[in-house]
């Protein structure tokens, strides 16, 4: 089950990745403002998302000690909940 992901740069140019739906709200709330959405993509698992993120950001090869767990496809129940509302881009007032 594919889920949308977002890659952000915060006010200090620090990158981060989160789910594009409401499950990414807490992450986006923590970003130093103004933050900039730089890319969106879909992935079927946490592992697939991290490989894509590392390649996109040119961080090098992604590895994990939990390959079997991280490679599990996202739960369809999570996907159904995610489709109930996409998160808006965070407001840009400075802290």
Protein backbone atom coordinates (compact mmCIF):
# COMPACT_ATOMS: atom_id res chain seq x y z
CA UNK A 1 0.00 0.00 0.00
CA UNK A 2 1.74 3.18 -1.18
CA UNK A 3 1.76 6.23 1.07
CA UNK A 4 2.81 9.76 0.18
CA UNK A 5 5.89 11.21 1.88
CA UNK A 6 7.29 14.73 2.03
CA UNK A 7 10.85 16.01 2.25
CA UNK A 8 11.26 19.33 4.04
CA UNK A 9 14.00 21.86 4.72
CA UNK A 10 13.55 23.86 7.90
CA UNK A 11 14.61 27.48 8.40
CA UNK A 12 18.19 26.30 9.07
CA UNK A 13 18.25 24.19 5.88
CA UNK A 14 18.07 20.96 7.94
CA UNK A 15 16.27 18.24 5.97
CA UNK A 16 13.64 15.84 7.20
CA UNK A 17 11.05 13.43 5.88
CA UNK A 18 7.54 12.63 7.03
CA UNK A 19 4.27 11.18 5.85
CA UNK A 20 2.35 13.65 3.70
CA UNK A 21 -0.98 13.09 5.45
CA UNK A 22 -2.14 13.87 8.99
CA UNK A 23 0.33 11.30 10.36
CA UNK A 24 3.10 13.78 9.51
CA UNK A 25 1.51 16.73 11.37
CA UNK A 26 3.61 16.39 14.53
CA UNK A 27 6.81 16.33 12.50
CA UNK A 28 5.78 19.40 10.51
CA UNK A 29 4.85 21.21 13.74
CA UNK A 30 8.42 20.71 14.98
CA UNK A 31 10.07 22.27 11.94
CA UNK A 32 11.78 25.62 12.47
CA UNK A 33 9.75 28.11 10.45
CA UNK A 34 9.69 29.10 7.73
CA UNK A 35 10.05 25.57 6.42
CA UNK A 36 10.02 24.64 2.74
CA UNK A 37 8.50 21.53 1.18
CA UNK A 38 11.06 20.44 -1.42
CA UNK A 39 9.73 17.10 -2.68
CA UNK A 40 6.92 14.54 -2.45
CA UNK A 41 7.02 10.86 -3.35
CA UNK A 42 5.24 7.56 -2.70
CA UNK A 43 6.64 4.47 -1.02
CA UNK A 44 5.27 1.09 -0.04
CA UNK A 45 7.25 0.65 3.21
CA UNK A 46 9.47 2.52 5.64
CA UNK A 47 12.53 0.90 4.07
CA UNK A 48 11.52 1.96 0.55
CA UNK A 49 10.88 5.52 1.81
CA UNK A 50 14.27 5.74 3.54
CA UNK A 51 16.14 4.40 0.49
CA UNK A 52 14.38 6.98 -1.69
CA UNK A 53 15.04 9.79 0.82
CA UNK A 54 18.75 8.95 1.17
CA UNK A 55 19.15 8.78 -2.62
CA UNK A 56 17.27 12.04 -3.17
CA UNK A 57 19.32 13.86 -0.52
CA UNK A 58 22.57 12.18 -1.69
CA UNK A 59 23.22 10.83 1.83
CA UNK A 60 24.59 7.52 0.55
CA UNK A 61 23.24 4.01 0.85
CA UNK A 62 20.56 3.48 3.50
CA UNK A 63 20.95 0.51 5.81
CA UNK A 64 19.02 -0.79 8.79
CA UNK A 65 19.43 -3.49 11.40
CA UNK A 66 15.68 -4.15 11.09
CA UNK A 67 15.38 -4.87 7.37
CA UNK A 68 12.60 -7.45 7.75
CA UNK A 69 10.46 -5.16 9.90
CA UNK A 70 11.20 -1.97 7.93
CA UNK A 71 10.45 -3.71 4.62
CA UNK A 72 6.91 -4.70 5.60
CA UNK A 73 4.35 -2.94 3.42
CA UNK A 74 2.39 -0.21 5.12
CA UNK A 75 -0.78 -1.43 6.78
CA UNK A 76 -3.90 -0.83 4.64
CA UNK A 77 -5.70 0.36 7.79
CA UNK A 78 -3.10 3.14 8.09
CA UNK A 79 -3.66 4.02 4.43
CA UNK A 80 -7.44 4.30 4.93
CA UNK A 81 -6.95 6.63 7.88
CA UNK A 82 -4.43 8.67 5.90
CA UNK A 83 -6.89 9.23 3.06
CA UNK A 84 -9.31 11.01 5.40
CA UNK A 85 -7.39 14.25 5.19
CA UNK A 86 -4.15 15.54 3.81
CA UNK A 87 -2.17 17.92 5.97
CA UNK A 88 -1.77 21.48 4.78
CA UNK A 89 1.61 23.09 4.40
CA UNK A 90 2.62 24.66 7.72
CA UNK A 91 2.23 28.38 8.27
CA UNK A 92 5.40 30.34 7.69
CA UNK A 93 5.64 32.93 10.51
CA UNK A 94 9.11 32.88 12.08
CA UNK A 95 9.50 31.68 15.64
